[in-house]
Amino acid sequence: MSLEQDLESIDLNIANEEQALKLCDALTRLGKNKDWKLLIDKHYLVVHASELVGLSESPHVAKARDDIMSSIVGVGRFRQFLSGVARNGDTAAESVKSHKELREQLLANGEEV
């Protein structure tokens, strides 16, 4: 790989990691919002999910059971998405620093692009 390709790859990694940081920052701000806490953290991810699980066991909803199960899976996937955003943000800060240092080292080697 040429220096130019290395730098392009590093720059792309930095851009992706900075985007992960922005998403994590946004999630952090949302998590502090009282409306988010009430609507999402307390109701959707806990109360609504519990209601869906309870409803899925009812013999009166046998025909809608597939839809209910899809909704339960949707709640779980949303929770996984939020966890992934937080996890990616946690690792992105160090990765950005490492990639910027690597970029500087490559440029300092005296090779011109």
C-alpha atoms as a PDB file:
ATOM      1  CA  MET A   1       0.000   0.000   0.000  1.00  0.00           C
ATOM      2  CA  SER A   2       1.334   3.442  -0.888  1.00  0.00           C
ATOM      3  CA  LEU A   3       1.614   6.312   1.553  1.00  0.00           C
ATOM      4  CA  GLU A   4      -1.276   8.036  -0.171  1.00  0.00           C
ATOM      5  CA  GLN A   5      -3.485   4.953   0.231  1.00  0.00           C
ATOM      6  CA  ASP A   6      -2.421   4.595   3.869  1.00  0.00           C
ATOM      7  CA  LEU A   7      -3.341   8.216   4.557  1.00  0.00           C
ATOM      8  CA  GLU A   8      -6.688   7.854   2.786  1.00  0.00           C
ATOM      9  CA  SER A   9      -7.460   4.770   4.863  1.00  0.00           C
ATOM     10  CA  ILE A  10      -6.464   6.506   8.091  1.00  0.00           C
ATOM     11  CA  ASP A  11      -8.527   9.587   7.196  1.00  0.00           C
ATOM     12  CA  LEU A  12     -11.555   7.390   6.491  1.00  0.00           C
ATOM     13  CA  ASN A  13     -11.095   5.650   9.848  1.00  0.00           C
ATOM     14  CA  ILE A  14     -10.831   8.998  11.619  1.00  0.00           C
ATOM     15  CA  ALA A  15     -13.998  10.251   9.919  1.00  0.00           C
ATOM     16  CA  ASN A  16     -15.903   7.092  10.914  1.00  0.00           C
ATOM     17  CA  GLU A  17     -14.651   7.288  14.498  1.00  0.00           C
ATOM     18  CA  GLU A  18     -15.548  10.982  14.753  1.00  0.00           C
ATOM     19  CA  GLN A  19     -19.053  10.104  13.547  1.00  0.00           C
ATOM     20  CA  ALA A  20     -19.251   7.430  16.261  1.00  0.00           C
ATOM     21  CA  LEU A  21     -18.233  10.068  18.813  1.00  0.00           C
ATOM     22  CA  LYS A  22     -20.948  12.438  17.578  1.00  0.00           C
ATOM     23  CA  LEU A  23     -23.570   9.701  17.869  1.00  0.00           C
ATOM     24  CA  CYS A  24     -22.376   8.800  21.369  1.00  0.00           C
ATOM     25  CA  ASP A  25     -22.457  12.457  22.412  1.00  0.00           C
ATOM     26  CA  ALA A  26     -26.005  12.759  21.063  1.00  0.00           C
ATOM     27  CA  LEU A  27     -27.038   9.626  22.956  1.00  0.00           C
ATOM     28  CA  THR A  28     -25.490  11.005  26.132  1.00  0.00           C
ATOM     29  CA  ARG A  29     -27.424  14.258  25.737  1.00  0.00           C
ATOM     30  CA  LEU A  30     -30.644  12.342  25.056  1.00  0.00           C
ATOM     31  CA  GLY A  31     -30.059  10.166  28.108  1.00  0.00           C
ATOM     32  CA  LYS A  32     -30.040  13.275  30.286  1.00  0.00           C
ATOM     33  CA  ASN A  33     -33.325  14.539  28.849  1.00  0.00           C
ATOM     34  CA  LYS A  34     -36.227  13.968  31.249  1.00  0.00           C
ATOM     35  CA  ASP A  35     -38.670  13.276  28.409  1.00  0.00           C
ATOM     36  CA  TRP A  36     -36.328  10.633  26.927  1.00  0.00           C
ATOM     37  CA  LYS A  37     -35.963   9.032  30.350  1.00  0.00           C
ATOM     38  CA  LEU A  38     -39.731   8.882  30.798  1.00  0.00           C
ATOM     39  CA  LEU A  39     -40.743   7.869  27.291  1.00  0.00           C
ATOM     40  CA  ILE A  40     -37.890   5.614  26.173  1.00  0.00           C
ATOM     41  CA  ASP A  41     -35.906   4.440  29.207  1.00  0.00           C
ATOM     42  CA  LYS A  42     -38.826   3.869  31.546  1.00  0.00           C
ATOM     43  CA  HIS A  43     -41.813   3.248  29.307  1.00  0.00           C
ATOM     44  CA  TYR A  44     -40.732   1.830  25.943  1.00  0.00           C
ATOM     45  CA  LEU A  45     -37.751  -0.239  27.045  1.00  0.00           C
ATOM     46  CA  VAL A  46     -39.308  -1.479  30.303  1.00  0.00           C
ATOM     47  CA  VAL A  47     -43.073  -1.085  30.627  1.00  0.00           C
ATOM     48  CA  HIS A  48     -43.978  -1.537  26.959  1.00  0.00           C
ATOM     49  CA  ALA A  49     -41.587  -4.463  26.572  1.00  0.00           C
ATOM     50  CA  SER A  50     -43.057  -6.145  29.662  1.00  0.00           C
ATOM     51  CA  GLU A  51     -46.591  -5.568  28.400  1.00  0.00           C
ATOM     52  CA  LEU A  52     -45.694  -7.152  25.069  1.00  0.00           C
ATOM     53  CA  VAL A  53     -44.222 -10.211  26.765  1.00  0.00           C
ATOM     54  CA  GLY A  54     -47.322 -10.564  28.923  1.00  0.00           C
ATOM     55  CA  LEU A  55     -49.593 -10.088  25.950  1.00  0.00           C
ATOM     56  CA  SER A  56     -47.719 -12.718  23.935  1.00  0.00           C
ATOM     57  CA  GLU A  57     -48.709 -15.337  26.528  1.00  0.00           C
ATOM     58  CA  SER A  58     -52.419 -14.530  26.342  1.00  0.00           C
ATOM     59  CA  PRO A  59     -54.546 -17.143  24.555  1.00  0.00           C
ATOM     60  CA  HIS A  60     -56.755 -14.315  23.249  1.00  0.00           C
ATOM     61  CA  VAL A  61     -54.077 -12.993  20.886  1.00  0.00           C
ATOM     62  CA  ALA A  62     -53.038 -16.197  19.152  1.00  0.00           C
ATOM     63  CA  LYS A  63     -53.566 -14.679  15.694  1.00  0.00           C
ATOM     64  CA  ALA A  64     -51.461 -11.612  16.515  1.00  0.00           C
ATOM     65  CA  ARG A  65     -48.685 -13.516  18.296  1.00  0.00           C
ATOM     66  CA  ASP A  66     -46.232 -13.153  15.361  1.00  0.00           C
ATOM     67  CA  ASP A  67     -46.730  -9.378  15.324  1.00  0.00           C
ATOM     68  CA  ILE A  68     -46.284  -9.198  19.073  1.00  0.00           C
ATOM     69  CA  MET A  69     -43.102 -11.270  18.904  1.00  0.00           C
ATOM     70  CA  SER A  70     -41.789  -8.994  16.129  1.00  0.00           C
ATOM     71  CA  SER A  71     -42.470  -6.007  18.382  1.00  0.00           C
ATOM     72  CA  ILE A  72     -40.597  -7.651  21.251  1.00  0.00           C
ATOM     73  CA  VAL A  73     -37.649  -8.302  18.942  1.00  0.00           C
ATOM     74  CA  GLY A  74     -37.832  -4.671  17.790  1.00  0.00           C
ATOM     75  CA  VAL A  75     -37.534  -3.413  21.365  1.00  0.00           C
ATOM     76  CA  GLY A  76     -34.508  -5.656  21.897  1.00  0.00           C
ATOM     77  CA  ARG A  77     -32.855  -4.509  18.687  1.00  0.00           C
ATOM     78  CA  PHE A  78     -33.395  -0.880  19.595  1.00  0.00           C
ATOM     79  CA  ARG A  79     -31.782  -1.507  22.981  1.00  0.00           C
ATOM     80  CA  GLN A  80     -28.856  -3.237  21.224  1.00  0.00           C
ATOM     81  CA  PHE A  81     -28.522  -0.281  18.845  1.00  0.00           C
ATOM     82  CA  LEU A  82     -28.319   2.161  21.756  1.00  0.00           C
ATOM     83  CA  SER A  83     -25.781  -0.039  23.531  1.00  0.00           C
ATOM     84  CA  GLY A  84     -23.729  -0.291  20.346  1.00  0.00           C
ATOM     85  CA  VAL A  85     -23.710   3.486  19.898  1.00  0.00           C
ATOM     86  CA  ALA A  86     -22.448   3.908  23.457  1.00  0.00           C
ATOM     87  CA  ARG A  87     -19.845   1.152  23.086  1.00  0.00           C
ATOM     88  CA  ASN A  88     -18.583   2.490  19.753  1.00  0.00           C
ATOM     89  CA  GLY A  89     -18.309   5.972  21.207  1.00  0.00           C
ATOM     90  CA  ASP A  90     -16.329   4.676  24.155  1.00  0.00           C
ATOM     91  CA  THR A  91     -13.699   3.130  21.889  1.00  0.00           C
ATOM     92  CA  ALA A  92     -13.726   5.819  19.211  1.00  0.00           C
ATOM     93  CA  ALA A  93     -11.970   8.526  21.236  1.00  0.00           C
ATOM     94  CA  GLU A  94      -8.860   6.422  21.740  1.00  0.00           C
ATOM     95  CA  SER A  95      -8.972   5.195  18.148  1.00  0.00           C
ATOM     96  CA  VAL A  96      -9.090   8.749  16.785  1.00  0.00           C
ATOM     97  CA  LYS A  97      -6.060   9.627  18.877  1.00  0.00           C
ATOM     98  CA  SER A  98      -4.158   6.536  17.688  1.00  0.00           C
ATOM     99  CA  HIS A  99      -5.009   7.112  14.035  1.00  0.00           C
ATOM    100  CA  LYS A 100      -3.989  10.763  14.193  1.00  0.00           C
ATOM    101  CA  GLU A 101      -0.665   9.778  15.770  1.00  0.00           C
ATOM    102  CA  LEU A 102      -0.113   7.141  13.084  1.00  0.00           C
ATOM    103  CA  ARG A 103      -0.909   9.694  10.374  1.00  0.00           C
ATOM    104  CA  GLU A 104       1.637  12.120  11.849  1.00  0.00           C
ATOM    105  CA  GLN A 105       4.260   9.363  12.020  1.00  0.00           C
ATOM    106  CA  LEU A 106       3.727   8.428   8.386  1.00  0.00           C
ATOM    107  CA  LEU A 107       4.028  12.042   7.296  1.00  0.00           C
ATOM    108  CA  ALA A 108       7.083  12.582   9.516  1.00  0.00           C
ATOM    109  CA  ASN A 109       8.917   9.766   7.762  1.00  0.00           C
ATOM    110  CA  GLY A 110       9.617  12.259   5.012  1.00  0.00           C
ATOM    111  CA  GLU A 111       7.745  10.490   2.245  1.00  0.00           C
ATOM    112  CA  GLU A 112       5.738  12.813   0.065  1.00  0.00           C
ATOM    113  CA  VAL A 113       2.283  12.005  -1.203  1.00  0.00           C
END
